[in-house]
Amino acid sequence: MNELKAADQQVHDAHKFLQAFLDKFETAKRGGVHDFIEITLFNMINAAIGNVDAYLKQGHKEVNGNEIMEIVAISYQEILDNIRRNLDGLKEVTMK
């Protein structure tokens, strides 16, 4: 039971950390690096949720947690691979 509480606390802490990080950019102009971070995180989460939903809609009698984690990891990696390809041809981004 303590492991469950520790995991729940870790998820809660991660959420608070992310919110605090994004709050730092409240006055930043749209289209900056912070938008890149937010959109990237959204795309990773959105892809993972969509792929997990597709897995669950297949009507599994038992859901395998390891398969869910693999689906999430693969979903994240696909987004990261696309970002890497796009960054390879990107001109230099300057910070103001």
C-alpha atoms as a PDB file:
ATOM      1  CA  MET A   1       0.000   0.000   0.000  1.00  0.00           C
ATOM      2  CA  ASN A   2       2.889   2.367   0.714  1.00  0.00           C
ATOM      3  CA  GLU A   3       4.152   1.804  -2.849  1.00  0.00           C
ATOM      4  CA  LEU A   4       0.775   2.911  -4.196  1.00  0.00           C
ATOM      5  CA  LYS A   5       0.832   6.060  -2.061  1.00  0.00           C
ATOM      6  CA  ALA A   6       4.411   6.790  -3.167  1.00  0.00           C
ATOM      7  CA  ALA A   7       3.469   6.341  -6.844  1.00  0.00           C
ATOM      8  CA  ASP A   8       0.412   8.569  -6.403  1.00  0.00           C
ATOM      9  CA  GLN A   9       2.574  11.226  -4.762  1.00  0.00           C
ATOM     10  CA  GLN A  10       5.103  10.988  -7.582  1.00  0.00           C
ATOM     11  CA  VAL A  11       2.376  11.563 -10.193  1.00  0.00           C
ATOM     12  CA  HIS A  12       1.017  14.483  -8.189  1.00  0.00           C
ATOM     13  CA  ASP A  13       4.518  15.982  -7.824  1.00  0.00           C
ATOM     14  CA  ALA A  14       5.187  15.590 -11.559  1.00  0.00           C
ATOM     15  CA  HIS A  15       1.925  17.378 -12.345  1.00  0.00           C
ATOM     16  CA  LYS A  16       2.753  20.255  -9.964  1.00  0.00           C
ATOM     17  CA  PHE A  17       6.284  20.497 -11.398  1.00  0.00           C
ATOM     18  CA  LEU A  18       4.952  20.726 -14.953  1.00  0.00           C
ATOM     19  CA  GLN A  19       2.377  23.345 -13.993  1.00  0.00           C
ATOM     20  CA  ALA A  20       5.018  25.444 -12.213  1.00  0.00           C
ATOM     21  CA  PHE A  21       7.324  25.174 -15.223  1.00  0.00           C
ATOM     22  CA  LEU A  22       4.630  26.264 -17.683  1.00  0.00           C
ATOM     23  CA  ASP A  23       3.540  29.108 -15.374  1.00  0.00           C
ATOM     24  CA  LYS A  24       7.007  30.633 -15.788  1.00  0.00           C
ATOM     25  CA  PHE A  25       6.058  31.462 -19.380  1.00  0.00           C
ATOM     26  CA  GLU A  26       2.799  33.263 -18.609  1.00  0.00           C
ATOM     27  CA  THR A  27       3.989  36.527 -20.145  1.00  0.00           C
ATOM     28  CA  ALA A  28       6.000  34.981 -22.977  1.00  0.00           C
ATOM     29  CA  LYS A  29       5.018  35.734 -26.542  1.00  0.00           C
ATOM     30  CA  ARG A  30       3.195  33.026 -28.452  1.00  0.00           C
ATOM     31  CA  GLY A  31       5.254  30.961 -30.856  1.00  0.00           C
ATOM     32  CA  GLY A  32       8.310  30.664 -28.661  1.00  0.00           C
ATOM     33  CA  VAL A  33      10.252  27.757 -27.240  1.00  0.00           C
ATOM     34  CA  HIS A  34       7.737  27.373 -24.408  1.00  0.00           C
ATOM     35  CA  ASP A  35       5.021  26.731 -27.016  1.00  0.00           C
ATOM     36  CA  PHE A  36       7.248  24.092 -28.561  1.00  0.00           C
ATOM     37  CA  ILE A  37       7.540  22.385 -25.164  1.00  0.00           C
ATOM     38  CA  GLU A  38       3.803  22.592 -24.447  1.00  0.00           C
ATOM     39  CA  ILE A  39       2.770  21.367 -27.896  1.00  0.00           C
ATOM     40  CA  THR A  40       5.321  18.559 -27.798  1.00  0.00           C
ATOM     41  CA  LEU A  41       4.062  17.348 -24.424  1.00  0.00           C
ATOM     42  CA  PHE A  42       0.462  17.614 -25.607  1.00  0.00           C
ATOM     43  CA  ASN A  43       1.225  15.664 -28.785  1.00  0.00           C
ATOM     44  CA  MET A  44       2.998  12.935 -26.831  1.00  0.00           C
ATOM     45  CA  ILE A  45       0.146  12.568 -24.343  1.00  0.00           C
ATOM     46  CA  ASN A  46      -2.535  12.819 -27.026  1.00  0.00           C
ATOM     47  CA  ALA A  47      -0.861  10.154 -29.188  1.00  0.00           C
ATOM     48  CA  ALA A  48      -0.417   7.830 -26.214  1.00  0.00           C
ATOM     49  CA  ILE A  49      -4.038   8.207 -25.088  1.00  0.00           C
ATOM     50  CA  GLY A  50      -5.292   7.635 -28.629  1.00  0.00           C
ATOM     51  CA  ASN A  51      -3.173   4.520 -29.056  1.00  0.00           C
ATOM     52  CA  VAL A  52      -4.154   3.133 -25.642  1.00  0.00           C
ATOM     53  CA  ASP A  53      -7.824   3.786 -26.467  1.00  0.00           C
ATOM     54  CA  ALA A  54      -7.413   1.911 -29.754  1.00  0.00           C
ATOM     55  CA  TYR A  55      -5.815  -0.986 -27.848  1.00  0.00           C
ATOM     56  CA  LEU A  56      -8.651  -1.071 -25.307  1.00  0.00           C
ATOM     57  CA  LYS A  57     -11.375  -0.872 -27.976  1.00  0.00           C
ATOM     58  CA  GLN A  58     -10.188  -4.209 -29.346  1.00  0.00           C
ATOM     59  CA  GLY A  59     -12.116  -5.805 -26.471  1.00  0.00           C
ATOM     60  CA  HIS A  60      -9.361  -7.448 -24.446  1.00  0.00           C
ATOM     61  CA  LYS A  61     -10.624  -9.734 -21.697  1.00  0.00           C
ATOM     62  CA  GLU A  62      -7.542  -8.850 -19.671  1.00  0.00           C
ATOM     63  CA  VAL A  63      -5.538  -5.668 -20.007  1.00  0.00           C
ATOM     64  CA  ASN A  64      -1.793  -6.153 -19.810  1.00  0.00           C
ATOM     65  CA  GLY A  65      -0.129  -3.246 -18.002  1.00  0.00           C
ATOM     66  CA  ASN A  66       3.187  -3.930 -19.696  1.00  0.00           C
ATOM     67  CA  GLU A  67       1.537  -3.659 -23.101  1.00  0.00           C
ATOM     68  CA  ILE A  68      -0.050  -0.339 -22.088  1.00  0.00           C
ATOM     69  CA  MET A  69       3.341   1.016 -20.985  1.00  0.00           C
ATOM     70  CA  GLU A  70       4.910  -0.184 -24.238  1.00  0.00           C
ATOM     71  CA  ILE A  71       2.169   1.521 -26.255  1.00  0.00           C
ATOM     72  CA  VAL A  72       2.802   4.746 -24.347  1.00  0.00           C
ATOM     73  CA  ALA A  73       6.576   4.528 -24.830  1.00  0.00           C
ATOM     74  CA  ILE A  74       6.227   3.806 -28.551  1.00  0.00           C
ATOM     75  CA  SER A  75       3.761   6.686 -28.913  1.00  0.00           C
ATOM     76  CA  TYR A  76       6.188   9.074 -27.231  1.00  0.00           C
ATOM     77  CA  GLN A  77       9.085   7.817 -29.330  1.00  0.00           C
ATOM     78  CA  GLU A  78       7.188   8.342 -32.586  1.00  0.00           C
ATOM     79  CA  ILE A  79       6.552  11.988 -31.648  1.00  0.00           C
ATOM     80  CA  LEU A  80      10.191  12.456 -30.611  1.00  0.00           C
ATOM     81  CA  ASP A  81      11.423  10.905 -33.864  1.00  0.00           C
ATOM     82  CA  ASN A  82       9.239  13.309 -35.859  1.00  0.00           C
ATOM     83  CA  ILE A  83      10.552  16.252 -33.856  1.00  0.00           C
ATOM     84  CA  ARG A  84      14.149  15.174 -34.464  1.00  0.00           C
ATOM     85  CA  ARG A  85      13.518  14.954 -38.219  1.00  0.00           C
ATOM     86  CA  ASN A  86      11.951  18.413 -38.214  1.00  0.00           C
ATOM     87  CA  LEU A  87      14.772  19.926 -36.147  1.00  0.00           C
ATOM     88  CA  ASP A  88      17.427  18.601 -38.520  1.00  0.00           C
ATOM     89  CA  GLY A  89      16.301  21.029 -41.245  1.00  0.00           C
ATOM     90  CA  LEU A  90      15.365  23.932 -38.987  1.00  0.00           C
ATOM     91  CA  LYS A  91      17.219  27.226 -39.196  1.00  0.00           C
ATOM     92  CA  GLU A  92      18.750  28.617 -36.020  1.00  0.00           C
ATOM     93  CA  VAL A  93      16.251  29.790 -33.405  1.00  0.00           C
ATOM     94  CA  THR A  94      17.331  32.878 -31.490  1.00  0.00           C
ATOM     95  CA  MET A  95      16.256  33.672 -27.935  1.00  0.00           C
ATOM     96  CA  LYS A  96      15.312  37.175 -26.859  1.00  0.00           C
END
